[in-house]
Every structure is written in C-alpha cells, then in structure tokens.
C-alpha cells in the first residue's frame, strides 16, 4: 500500500479513528483507537493522548460513561496541560460527560481528576 511509505499502521489507525468518530460510527472508531494505541511508539506521548481522548469520546458516545472516564483519566497530566489540542479535547470530553451523566458520581470523579491538573500546571 502506497500510504505505508508515508504513514505507519498506528497513524493509519489514528486517521481511521478520527474519520469514524466524525461519522458517528463509534464502535469502529473504538476498534481503530485500540489498534492505534497498541501500535504507537512509546515516545509519541501527544499522539497517544489524542488517541486516548478520542477513544474516551467513542466510549462515551456508546453509552459507557464509566469506561470512557477511566480511559480519559489515563491521559497523563503533562499531556493534558501542555498540549493545547489535548486540553481542548479533554474539556470537550468533560462537557459531553456532564451532558450525558449530569450530577453523576462519574462526572464528579472527572471534575475532581481534572482539578489536579490545574494544581499541577
């Protein structure tokens, strides 16, 4: 495949993840997220944070707020606070979580978790 000359498998899965997420095909997005995360090289911290956040969005959209929050909480505080794109994506996740599960304990857990980022930043 000619694309492999420019992209590795992790990057192709990241592109597929993004596309399926945008299309609302959340289960396929989740599939590609897992493939992407398993293939990413260890030094690609920002890419891992982005893929993890997208995975959390896909899980939340499938009605799994607990799993989604657990996934989002795997994003390191450093990535969450030092990369504007990751920060924005996680803020959007928090808003979607609060809209999906308002007043829930999982939304409170997320709020408390993100408060630690503000203290660390």
Foldseek 3Di string as FASTA:
>chain_A
DVCCVPDPLLVVLLVVLVVCVVVVVLVSSLVSLVVNLVPDDPVPLLSVLVSLLSNLVSCVSVPNNVVSLVSNLPNDLCSCPVPVVSVVSVVVSLVSSCVSPPPDPSNVVSVVSVVVSVVVD
